[in-house]
PDB file of N, CA and C in Angstrom:
ATOM      1  N   MET A   1      93.566 106.528  85.898  1.00  0.00           N
ATOM      2  CA  MET A   1      92.595 105.697  86.571  1.00  0.00           C
ATOM      3  C   MET A   1      92.493 104.366  85.822  1.00  0.00           C
ATOM      4  N   CYS A   2      92.258 103.284  86.561  1.00  0.00           N
ATOM      5  CA  CYS A   2      92.141 101.953  85.982  1.00  0.00           C
ATOM      6  C   CYS A   2      90.781 101.769  85.323  1.00  0.00           C
ATOM      7  N   SER A   3      90.810 101.081  84.214  1.00  0.00           N
ATOM      8  CA  SER A   3      89.546 100.711  83.596  1.00  0.00           C
ATOM      9  C   SER A   3      89.006  99.476  84.313  1.00  0.00           C
ATOM     10  N   PRO A   4      87.720  99.177  84.169  1.00  0.00           N
ATOM     11  CA  PRO A   4      87.166  97.978  84.816  1.00  0.00           C
ATOM     12  C   PRO A   4      87.873  96.698  84.376  1.00  0.00           C
ATOM     13  N   LEU A   5      88.347  96.665  83.122  1.00  0.00           N
ATOM     14  CA  LEU A   5      89.053  95.470  82.654  1.00  0.00           C
ATOM     15  C   LEU A   5      90.393  95.317  83.360  1.00  0.00           C
ATOM     16  N   ASP A   6      91.118  96.425  83.574  1.00  0.00           N
ATOM     17  CA  ASP A   6      92.391  96.363  84.284  1.00  0.00           C
ATOM     18  C   ASP A   6      92.187  95.860  85.706  1.00  0.00           C
ATOM     19  N   ALA A   7      91.181  96.354  86.386  1.00  0.00           N
ATOM     20  CA  ALA A   7      90.888  95.937  87.752  1.00  0.00           C
ATOM     21  C   ALA A   7      90.552  94.451  87.796  1.00  0.00           C
ATOM     22  N   ARG A   8      89.822  93.980  86.821  1.00  0.00           N
ATOM     23  CA  ARG A   8      89.455  92.561  86.765  1.00  0.00           C
ATOM     24  C   ARG A   8      90.696  91.699  86.555  1.00  0.00           C
ATOM     25  N   GLU A   9      91.588  92.130  85.663  1.00  0.00           N
ATOM     26  CA  GLU A   9      92.818  91.379  85.417  1.00  0.00           C
ATOM     27  C   GLU A   9      93.666  91.297  86.681  1.00  0.00           C
ATOM     28  N   ASP A  10      93.738  92.389  87.440  1.00  0.00           N
ATOM     29  CA  ASP A  10      94.501  92.378  88.687  1.00  0.00           C
ATOM     30  C   ASP A  10      93.932  91.364  89.670  1.00  0.00           C
ATOM     31  N   ARG A  11      92.614  91.271  89.746  1.00  0.00           N
ATOM     32  CA  ARG A  11      91.996  90.311  90.657  1.00  0.00           C
ATOM     33  C   ARG A  11      92.244  88.876  90.212  1.00  0.00           C
ATOM     34  N   LEU A  12      92.339  88.652  88.924  1.00  0.00           N
ATOM     35  CA  LEU A  12      92.497  87.294  88.410  1.00  0.00           C
ATOM     36  C   LEU A  12      93.949  86.831  88.396  1.00  0.00           C
ATOM     37  N   ARG A  13      94.883  87.761  88.490  1.00  0.00           N
ATOM     38  CA  ARG A  13      96.299  87.405  88.455  1.00  0.00           C
ATOM     39  C   ARG A  13      96.679  86.753  89.774  1.00  0.00           C
ATOM     40  N   PRO A  14      97.258  85.538  89.736  1.00  0.00           N
ATOM     41  CA  PRO A  14      97.632  84.879  90.983  1.00  0.00           C
ATOM     42  C   PRO A  14      98.762  85.633  91.684  1.00  0.00           C
ATOM     43  N   LEU A  15      98.526  86.055  92.915  1.00  0.00           N
ATOM     44  CA  LEU A  15      99.535  86.740  93.712  1.00  0.00           C
ATOM     45  C   LEU A  15     100.079  85.787  94.763  1.00  0.00           C
ATOM     46  N   ARG A  16     101.373  85.881  94.995  1.00  0.00           N
ATOM     47  CA  ARG A  16     102.023  85.083  96.025  1.00  0.00           C
ATOM     48  C   ARG A  16     102.903  86.010  96.860  1.00  0.00           C
ATOM     49  N   THR A  17     103.275  85.573  98.047  1.00  0.00           N
ATOM     50  CA  THR A  17     104.068  86.377  98.961  1.00  0.00           C
ATOM     51  C   THR A  17     105.478  85.804  99.066  1.00  0.00           C
ATOM     52  N   CYS A  18     106.473  86.655  98.926  1.00  0.00           N
ATOM     53  CA  CYS A  18     107.872  86.270  99.082  1.00  0.00           C
ATOM     54  C   CYS A  18     108.141  85.998 100.564  1.00  0.00           C
ATOM     55  N   VAL A  19     108.756  84.840 100.874  1.00  0.00           N
ATOM     56  CA  VAL A  19     109.055  84.523 102.266  1.00  0.00           C
ATOM     57  C   VAL A  19     110.257  85.304 102.780  1.00  0.00           C
ATOM     58  N   GLY A  20     110.966  85.975 101.882  1.00  0.00           N
ATOM     59  CA  GLY A  20     112.104  86.787 102.292  1.00  0.00           C
ATOM     60  C   GLY A  20     111.712  88.184 102.711  1.00  0.00           C
ATOM     61  N   CYS A  21     111.003  88.896 101.827  1.00  0.00           N
ATOM     62  CA  CYS A  21     110.673  90.304 102.102  1.00  0.00           C
ATOM     63  C   CYS A  21     109.211  90.530 102.447  1.00  0.00           C
ATOM     64  N   GLY A  22     108.347  89.558 102.160  1.00  0.00           N
ATOM     65  CA  GLY A  22     106.932  89.687 102.466  1.00  0.00           C
ATOM     66  C   GLY A  22     106.136  90.450 101.417  1.00  0.00           C
ATOM     67  N   ARG A  23     106.786  90.849 100.329  1.00  0.00           N
ATOM     68  CA  ARG A  23     106.106  91.591  99.268  1.00  0.00           C
ATOM     69  C   ARG A  23     105.254  90.635  98.426  1.00  0.00           C
ATOM     70  N   ARG A  24     104.070  91.092  98.056  1.00  0.00           N
ATOM     71  CA  ARG A  24     103.178  90.304  97.196  1.00  0.00           C
ATOM     72  C   ARG A  24     103.451  90.654  95.741  1.00  0.00           C
ATOM     73  N   ARG A  25     103.613  89.615  94.935  1.00  0.00           N
ATOM     74  CA  ARG A  25     103.891  89.799  93.509  1.00  0.00           C
ATOM     75  C   ARG A  25     103.147  88.733  92.724  1.00  0.00           C
ATOM     76  N   GLY A  26     103.141  88.935  91.424  1.00  0.00           N
ATOM     77  CA  GLY A  26     102.570  87.929  90.545  1.00  0.00           C
ATOM     78  C   GLY A  26     103.362  86.631  90.637  1.00  0.00           C
ATOM     79  N   LYS A  27     102.672  85.542  90.498  1.00  0.00           N
ATOM     80  CA  LYS A  27     103.282  84.219  90.624  1.00  0.00           C
ATOM     81  C   LYS A  27     104.504  84.064  89.711  1.00  0.00           C
ATOM     82  N   ARG A  28     104.435  84.607  88.515  1.00  0.00           N
ATOM     83  CA  ARG A  28     105.535  84.484  87.561  1.00  0.00           C
ATOM     84  C   ARG A  28     106.721  85.391  87.875  1.00  0.00           C
ATOM     85  N   GLU A  29     106.559  86.280  88.824  1.00  0.00           N
ATOM     86  CA  GLU A  29     107.637  87.197  89.214  1.00  0.00           C
ATOM     87  C   GLU A  29     108.444  86.661  90.388  1.00  0.00           C
ATOM     88  N   LEU A  30     108.179  85.417  90.790  1.00  0.00           N
ATOM     89  CA  LEU A  30     108.822  84.822  91.953  1.00  0.00           C
ATOM     90  C   LEU A  30     109.361  83.438  91.616  1.00  0.00           C
ATOM     91  N   ALA A  31     110.408  83.038  92.331  1.00  0.00           N
ATOM     92  CA  ALA A  31     110.927  81.673  92.237  1.00  0.00           C
ATOM     93  C   ALA A  31     110.147  80.816  93.227  1.00  0.00           C
ATOM     94  N   ARG A  32     109.828  79.600  92.841  1.00  0.00           N
ATOM     95  CA  ARG A  32     109.067  78.701  93.719  1.00  0.00           C
ATOM     96  C   ARG A  32     109.944  77.556  94.177  1.00  0.00           C
ATOM     97  N   LEU A  33     109.906  77.292  95.455  1.00  0.00           N
ATOM     98  CA  LEU A  33     110.540  76.117  96.039  1.00  0.00           C
ATOM     99  C   LEU A  33     109.412  75.196  96.474  1.00  0.00           C
ATOM    100  N   VAL A  34     109.557  73.910  96.179  1.00  0.00           N
ATOM    101  CA  VAL A  34     108.470  72.979  96.461  1.00  0.00           C
ATOM    102  C   VAL A  34     108.990  71.798  97.279  1.00  0.00           C
ATOM    103  N   LEU A  35     108.179  71.372  98.234  1.00  0.00           N
ATOM    104  CA  LEU A  35     108.481  70.193  99.032  1.00  0.00           C
ATOM    105  C   LEU A  35     107.860  68.989  98.335  1.00  0.00           C
ATOM    106  N   THR A  36     108.712  68.060  97.926  1.00  0.00           N
ATOM    107  CA  THR A  36     108.229  66.882  97.210  1.00  0.00           C
ATOM    108  C   THR A  36     108.371  65.648  98.095  1.00  0.00           C
ATOM    109  N   GLU A  37     107.564  64.669  97.810  1.00  0.00           N
ATOM    110  CA  GLU A  37     107.663  63.419  98.554  1.00  0.00           C
ATOM    111  C   GLU A  37     108.911  62.670  98.108  1.00  0.00           C
ATOM    112  N   GLY A  38     109.756  62.355  99.057  1.00  0.00           N
ATOM    113  CA  GLY A  38     110.916  61.534  98.772  1.00  0.00           C
ATOM    114  C   GLY A  38     112.115  62.263  98.175  1.00  0.00           C
ATOM    115  N   ARG A  39     111.923  63.480  97.668  1.00  0.00           N
ATOM    116  CA  ARG A  39     113.043  64.182  97.034  1.00  0.00           C
ATOM    117  C   ARG A  39     113.419  65.463  97.760  1.00  0.00           C
ATOM    118  N   GLY A  40     112.703  65.797  98.809  1.00  0.00           N
ATOM    119  CA  GLY A  40     113.034  66.981  99.597  1.00  0.00           C
ATOM    120  C   GLY A  40     112.562  68.268  98.944  1.00  0.00           C
ATOM    121  N   VAL A  41     113.292  69.346  99.207  1.00  0.00           N
ATOM    122  CA  VAL A  41     112.941  70.666  98.681  1.00  0.00           C
ATOM    123  C   VAL A  41     113.676  70.884  97.370  1.00  0.00           C
ATOM    124  N   LEU A  42     112.915  71.240  96.347  1.00  0.00           N
ATOM    125  CA  LEU A  42     113.486  71.463  95.017  1.00  0.00           C
ATOM    126  C   LEU A  42     113.070  72.827  94.477  1.00  0.00           C
ATOM    127  N   LEU A  43     113.896  73.373  93.627  1.00  0.00           N
ATOM    128  CA  LEU A  43     113.548  74.584  92.898  1.00  0.00           C
ATOM    129  C   LEU A  43     112.586  74.179  91.788  1.00  0.00           C
ATOM    130  N   ASP A  44     111.413  74.755  91.786  1.00  0.00           N
ATOM    131  CA  ASP A  44     110.386  74.446  90.788  1.00  0.00           C
ATOM    132  C   ASP A  44     110.501  75.471  89.662  1.00  0.00           C
ATOM    133  N   ARG A  45     111.286  75.149  88.659  1.00  0.00           N
ATOM    134  CA  ARG A  45     111.595  76.099  87.578  1.00  0.00           C
ATOM    135  C   ARG A  45     110.375  76.476  86.747  1.00  0.00           C
ATOM    136  N   LYS A  46     109.422  75.594  86.621  1.00  0.00           N
ATOM    137  CA  LYS A  46     108.223  75.872  85.824  1.00  0.00           C
ATOM    138  C   LYS A  46     107.055  76.381  86.670  1.00  0.00           C
ATOM    139  N   GLY A  47     107.138  76.206  87.985  1.00  0.00           N
ATOM    140  CA  GLY A  47     106.080  76.670  88.874  1.00  0.00           C
ATOM    141  C   GLY A  47     104.838  75.811  88.848  1.00  0.00           C
ATOM    142  N   LYS A  48     104.972  74.549  88.436  1.00  0.00           N
ATOM    143  CA  LYS A  48     103.792  73.696  88.309  1.00  0.00           C
ATOM    144  C   LYS A  48     103.927  72.354  89.026  1.00  0.00           C
ATOM    145  N   SER A  49     105.019  72.136  89.704  1.00  0.00           N
ATOM    146  CA  SER A  49     105.217  70.855  90.386  1.00  0.00           C
ATOM    147  C   SER A  49     104.233  70.708  91.532  1.00  0.00           C
ATOM    148  N   PRO A  50     103.750  69.476  91.760  1.00  0.00           N
ATOM    149  CA  PRO A  50     102.829  69.269  92.875  1.00  0.00           C
ATOM    150  C   PRO A  50     103.579  69.317  94.201  1.00  0.00           C
ATOM    151  N   GLY A  51     102.916  69.756  95.218  1.00  0.00           N
ATOM    152  CA  GLY A  51     103.503  69.799  96.552  1.00  0.00           C
ATOM    153  C   GLY A  51     103.386  71.178  97.168  1.00  0.00           C
ATOM    154  N   ARG A  52     103.672  71.243  98.438  1.00  0.00           N
ATOM    155  CA  ARG A  52     103.612  72.504  99.173  1.00  0.00           C
ATOM    156  C   ARG A  52     104.754  73.388  98.695  1.00  0.00           C
ATOM    157  N   GLY A  53     104.450  74.641  98.392  1.00  0.00           N
ATOM    158  CA  GLY A  53     105.469  75.524  97.848  1.00  0.00           C
ATOM    159  C   GLY A  53     105.598  76.833  98.602  1.00  0.00           C
ATOM    160  N   VAL A  54     106.767  77.446  98.466  1.00  0.00           N
ATOM    161  CA  VAL A  54     107.024  78.790  98.979  1.00  0.00           C
ATOM    162  C   VAL A  54     107.664  79.591  97.852  1.00  0.00           C
ATOM    163  N   TYR A  55     107.574  80.910  97.952  1.00  0.00           N
ATOM    164  CA  TYR A  55     108.028  81.781  96.879  1.00  0.00           C
ATOM    165  C   TYR A  55     109.067  82.773  97.367  1.00  0.00           C
ATOM    166  N   LEU A  56     110.007  83.110  96.466  1.00  0.00           N
ATOM    167  CA  LEU A  56     111.044  84.098  96.724  1.00  0.00           C
ATOM    168  C   LEU A  56     111.162  85.039  95.533  1.00  0.00           C
ATOM    169  N   CYS A  57     111.392  86.317  95.818  1.00  0.00           N
ATOM    170  CA  CYS A  57     111.675  87.285  94.750  1.00  0.00           C
ATOM    171  C   CYS A  57     112.981  86.891  94.060  1.00  0.00           C
ATOM    172  N   PHE A  58     113.194  87.396  92.865  1.00  0.00           N
ATOM    173  CA  PHE A  58     114.444  87.168  92.150  1.00  0.00           C
ATOM    174  C   PHE A  58     115.503  88.165  92.632  1.00  0.00           C
ATOM    175  N   GLU A  59     115.680  88.259  93.940  1.00  0.00           N
ATOM    176  CA  GLU A  59     116.640  89.182  94.529  1.00  0.00           C
ATOM    177  C   GLU A  59     117.470  88.441  95.571  1.00  0.00           C
ATOM    178  N   ALA A  60     118.775  88.644  95.521  1.00  0.00           N
ATOM    179  CA  ALA A  60     119.677  87.970  96.457  1.00  0.00           C
ATOM    180  C   ALA A  60     119.343  88.330  97.899  1.00  0.00           C
ATOM    181  N   GLN A  61     118.948  89.567  98.143  1.00  0.00           N
ATOM    182  CA  GLN A  61     118.640  89.998  99.511  1.00  0.00           C
ATOM    183  C   GLN A  61     117.474  89.204 100.094  1.00  0.00           C
ATOM    184  N   CYS A  62     116.476  88.899  99.275  1.00  0.00           N
ATOM    185  CA  CYS A  62     115.333  88.106  99.755  1.00  0.00           C
ATOM    186  C   CYS A  62     115.778  86.693 100.130  1.00  0.00           C
ATOM    187  N   LEU A  63     116.671  86.118  99.325  1.00  0.00           N
ATOM    188  CA  LEU A  63     117.192  84.794  99.622  1.00  0.00           C
ATOM    189  C   LEU A  63     117.979  84.817 100.930  1.00  0.00           C
ATOM    190  N   GLU A  64     118.821  85.834 101.120  1.00  0.00           N
ATOM    191  CA  GLU A  64     119.607  85.954 102.350  1.00  0.00           C
ATOM    192  C   GLU A  64     118.702  86.095 103.578  1.00  0.00           C
ATOM    193  N   THR A  65     117.694  86.947 103.457  1.00  0.00           N
ATOM    194  CA  THR A  65     116.774  87.162 104.573  1.00  0.00           C
ATOM    195  C   THR A  65     116.010  85.880 104.906  1.00  0.00           C
ATOM    196  N   ALA A  66     115.519  85.207 103.880  1.00  0.00           N
ATOM    197  CA  ALA A  66     114.779  83.960 104.091  1.00  0.00           C
ATOM    198  C   ALA A  66     115.674  82.903 104.733  1.00  0.00           C
ATOM    199  N   ASP A  67     116.936  82.841 104.303  1.00  0.00           N
ATOM    200  CA  ASP A  67     117.878  81.876 104.860  1.00  0.00           C
ATOM    201  C   ASP A  67     118.163  82.198 106.327  1.00  0.00           C
ATOM    202  N   LYS A  68     118.406  83.454 106.609  1.00  0.00           N
ATOM    203  CA  LYS A  68     118.715  83.889 107.972  1.00  0.00           C
ATOM    204  C   LYS A  68     117.558  83.585 108.925  1.00  0.00           C
ATOM    205  N   ARG A  69     116.340  83.814 108.458  1.00  0.00           N
ATOM    206  CA  ARG A  69     115.144  83.594 109.279  1.00  0.00           C
ATOM    207  C   ARG A  69     114.630  82.152 109.209  1.00  0.00           C
ATOM    208  N   ARG A  70     115.265  81.340 108.348  1.00  0.00           N
ATOM    209  CA  ARG A  70     114.810  79.962 108.085  1.00  0.00           C
ATOM    210  C   ARG A  70     113.348  79.938 107.669  1.00  0.00           C
ATOM    211  N   ALA A  71     112.987  80.916 106.876  1.00  0.00           N
ATOM    212  CA  ALA A  71     111.600  81.093 106.448  1.00  0.00           C
ATOM    213  C   ALA A  71     111.120  79.952 105.554  1.00  0.00           C
ATOM    214  N   VAL A  72     112.006  79.427 104.705  1.00  0.00           N
ATOM    215  CA  VAL A  72     111.611  78.320 103.825  1.00  0.00           C
ATOM    216  C   VAL A  72     111.267  77.101 104.672  1.00  0.00           C
ATOM    217  N   GLU A  73     112.131  76.784 105.617  1.00  0.00           N
ATOM    218  CA  GLU A  73     111.890  75.627 106.478  1.00  0.00           C
ATOM    219  C   GLU A  73     110.614  75.797 107.295  1.00  0.00           C
ATOM    220  N   ARG A  74     110.442  76.977 107.847  1.00  0.00           N
ATOM    221  CA  ARG A  74     109.250  77.234 108.666  1.00  0.00           C
ATOM    222  C   ARG A  74     107.980  77.127 107.829  1.00  0.00           C
ATOM    223  N   SER A  75     107.994  77.707 106.640  1.00  0.00           N
ATOM    224  CA  SER A  75     106.801  77.681 105.786  1.00  0.00           C
ATOM    225  C   SER A  75     106.479  76.284 105.279  1.00  0.00           C
ATOM    226  N   LEU A  76     107.520  75.508 105.019  1.00  0.00           N
ATOM    227  CA  LEU A  76     107.303  74.138 104.535  1.00  0.00           C
ATOM    228  C   LEU A  76     107.166  73.131 105.676  1.00  0.00           C
ATOM    229  N   ARG A  77     107.364  73.613 106.918  1.00  0.00           N
ATOM    230  CA  ARG A  77     107.236  72.770 108.115  1.00  0.00           C
ATOM    231  C   ARG A  77     108.207  71.593 108.093  1.00  0.00           C
ATOM    232  N   ILE A  78     109.481  71.913 107.797  1.00  0.00           N
ATOM    233  CA  ILE A  78     110.528  70.892 107.729  1.00  0.00           C
ATOM    234  C   ILE A  78     111.785  71.418 108.415  1.00  0.00           C
ATOM    235  N   SER A  79     112.761  70.527 108.565  1.00  0.00           N
ATOM    236  CA  SER A  79     114.097  70.915 109.029  1.00  0.00           C
ATOM    237  C   SER A  79     115.098  70.455 107.982  1.00  0.00           C
ATOM    238  N   LEU A  80     116.021  71.328 107.635  1.00  0.00           N
ATOM    239  CA  LEU A  80     117.088  70.989 106.701  1.00  0.00           C
ATOM    240  C   LEU A  80     118.407  70.953 107.450  1.00  0.00           C
ATOM    241  N   THR A  81     119.302  70.081 107.012  1.00  0.00           N
ATOM    242  CA  THR A  81     120.648  70.081 107.571  1.00  0.00           C
ATOM    243  C   THR A  81     121.383  71.293 107.013  1.00  0.00           C
ATOM    244  N   PRO A  82     122.470  71.712 107.656  1.00  0.00           N
ATOM    245  CA  PRO A  82     123.246  72.831 107.107  1.00  0.00           C
ATOM    246  C   PRO A  82     123.708  72.577 105.668  1.00  0.00           C
ATOM    247  N   ASP A  83     124.082  71.338 105.359  1.00  0.00           N
ATOM    248  CA  ASP A  83     124.506  71.012 103.987  1.00  0.00           C
ATOM    249  C   ASP A  83     123.348  71.143 102.996  1.00  0.00           C
ATOM    250  N   GLN A  84     122.176  70.639 103.374  1.00  0.00           N
ATOM    251  CA  GLN A  84     121.004  70.758 102.501  1.00  0.00           C
ATOM    252  C   GLN A  84     120.640  72.221 102.277  1.00  0.00           C
ATOM    253  N   ARG A  85     120.701  73.003 103.350  1.00  0.00           N
ATOM    254  CA  ARG A  85     120.373  74.423 103.261  1.00  0.00           C
ATOM    255  C   ARG A  85     121.347  75.141 102.333  1.00  0.00           C
ATOM    256  N   GLN A  86     122.645  74.814 102.443  1.00  0.00           N
ATOM    257  CA  GLN A  86     123.657  75.457 101.607  1.00  0.00           C
ATOM    258  C   GLN A  86     123.479  75.078 100.136  1.00  0.00           C
ATOM    259  N   LEU A  87     123.219  73.806  99.847  1.00  0.00           N
ATOM    260  CA  LEU A  87     123.009  73.373  98.458  1.00  0.00           C
ATOM    261  C   LEU A  87     121.784  74.038  97.847  1.00  0.00           C
ATOM    262  N   LEU A  88     120.702  74.113  98.605  1.00  0.00           N
ATOM    263  CA  LEU A  88     119.479  74.753  98.122  1.00  0.00           C
ATOM    264  C   LEU A  88     119.727  76.239  97.874  1.00  0.00           C
ATOM    265  N   LYS A  89     120.399  76.878  98.796  1.00  0.00           N
ATOM    266  CA  LYS A  89     120.703  78.308  98.661  1.00  0.00           C
ATOM    267  C   LYS A  89     121.549  78.575  97.415  1.00  0.00           C
ATOM    268  N   GLN A  90     122.538  77.717  97.176  1.00  0.00           N
ATOM    269  CA  GLN A  90     123.395  77.870  96.003  1.00  0.00           C
ATOM    270  C   GLN A  90     122.596  77.705  94.704  1.00  0.00           C
ATOM    271  N   GLU A  91     121.730  76.695  94.652  1.00  0.00           N
ATOM    272  CA  GLU A  91     120.914  76.457  93.458  1.00  0.00           C
ATOM    273  C   GLU A  91     119.971  77.633  93.188  1.00  0.00           C
ATOM    274  N   VAL A  92     119.336  78.132  94.244  1.00  0.00           N
ATOM    275  CA  VAL A  92     118.409  79.251  94.085  1.00  0.00           C
ATOM    276  C   VAL A  92     119.163  80.509  93.662  1.00  0.00           C
ATOM    277  N   MET A  93     120.345  80.748  94.229  1.00  0.00           N
ATOM    278  CA  MET A  93     121.127  81.928  93.864  1.00  0.00           C
ATOM    279  C   MET A  93     121.527  81.878  92.389  1.00  0.00           C
ATOM    280  N   GLU A  94     121.943  80.724  91.905  1.00  0.00           N
ATOM    281  CA  GLU A  94     122.289  80.582  90.484  1.00  0.00           C
ATOM    282  C   GLU A  94     121.065  80.864  89.611  1.00  0.00           C
ATOM    283  N   PHE A  95     119.911  80.373  90.028  1.00  0.00           N
ATOM    284  CA  PHE A  95     118.677  80.599  89.282  1.00  0.00           C
ATOM    285  C   PHE A  95     118.325  82.090  89.267  1.00  0.00           C
ATOM    286  N   ILE A  96     118.456  82.750  90.406  1.00  0.00           N
ATOM    287  CA  ILE A  96     118.169  84.189  90.502  1.00  0.00           C
ATOM    288  C   ILE A  96     119.090  84.975  89.569  1.00  0.00           C
ATOM    289  N   ILE A  97     120.352  84.628  89.567  1.00  0.00           N
ATOM    290  CA  ILE A  97     121.313  85.319  88.689  1.00  0.00           C
ATOM    291  C   ILE A  97     120.908  85.140  87.232  1.00  0.00           C
ATOM    292  N   ARG A  98     120.578  83.909  86.838  1.00  0.00           N
ATOM    293  CA  ARG A  98     120.166  83.662  85.443  1.00  0.00           C
ATOM    294  C   ARG A  98     118.901  84.429  85.085  1.00  0.00           C
ATOM    295  N   MET A  99     117.943  84.456  85.995  1.00  0.00           N
ATOM    296  CA  MET A  99     116.692  85.164  85.724  1.00  0.00           C
ATOM    297  C   MET A  99     116.924  86.665  85.598  1.00  0.00           C
ATOM    298  N   ASN A 100     117.791  87.219  86.428  1.00  0.00           N
ATOM    299  CA  ASN A 100     118.081  88.646  86.365  1.00  0.00           C
ATOM    300  C   ASN A 100     118.882  89.025  85.126  1.00  0.00           C
ATOM    301  N   GLU A 101     119.574  88.053  84.546  1.00  0.00           N
ATOM    302  CA  GLU A 101     120.297  88.302  83.297  1.00  0.00           C
ATOM    303  C   GLU A 101     119.387  88.126  82.091  1.00  0.00           C
ATOM    304  N   GLY A 102     118.172  87.676  82.327  1.00  0.00           N
ATOM    305  CA  GLY A 102     117.215  87.492  81.240  1.00  0.00           C
ATOM    306  C   GLY A 102     117.387  86.202  80.487  1.00  0.00           C
ATOM    307  N   ASP A 103     117.972  85.196  81.139  1.00  0.00           N
ATOM    308  CA  ASP A 103     118.187  83.894  80.515  1.00  0.00           C
ATOM    309  C   ASP A 103     116.847  83.209  80.279  1.00  0.00           C
ATOM    310  N   PRO A 104     116.465  82.982  79.020  1.00  0.00           N
ATOM    311  CA  PRO A 104     115.178  82.354  78.744  1.00  0.00           C
ATOM    312  C   PRO A 104     115.163  80.859  79.075  1.00  0.00           C
ATOM    313  N   MET A 105     116.321  80.254  79.223  1.00  0.00           N
ATOM    314  CA  MET A 105     116.387  78.820  79.483  1.00  0.00           C
ATOM    315  C   MET A 105     116.523  78.554  80.981  1.00  0.00           C
ATOM    316  N   HIS A 106     115.615  79.084  81.770  1.00  0.00           N
ATOM    317  CA  HIS A 106     115.663  78.882  83.196  1.00  0.00           C
ATOM    318  C   HIS A 106     115.193  77.506  83.528  1.00  0.00           C
TER     319      HIS A 106
END
């Protein structure tokens, strides 16, 4: 059974939803993509960049599902060209691989 302190910590932990699988996880357990003014959609490696953001699990399947459903574009209310979508997908996939390998220099 949870102690009252554990329950309080769970309530205070920022939860976000993966646009690929819909699972809710802690903010630090997800990759963040952010829509920036003038620079388009970027991978927010630190999770602190200003702008509208969406989150993805560190799983290739979530990235594939989000790409197939165009969930990132829909959530950010934008349209990407096929080239932009491919470049973003490649960058996020490389980041996911590094995170799953435990690379501290993400």
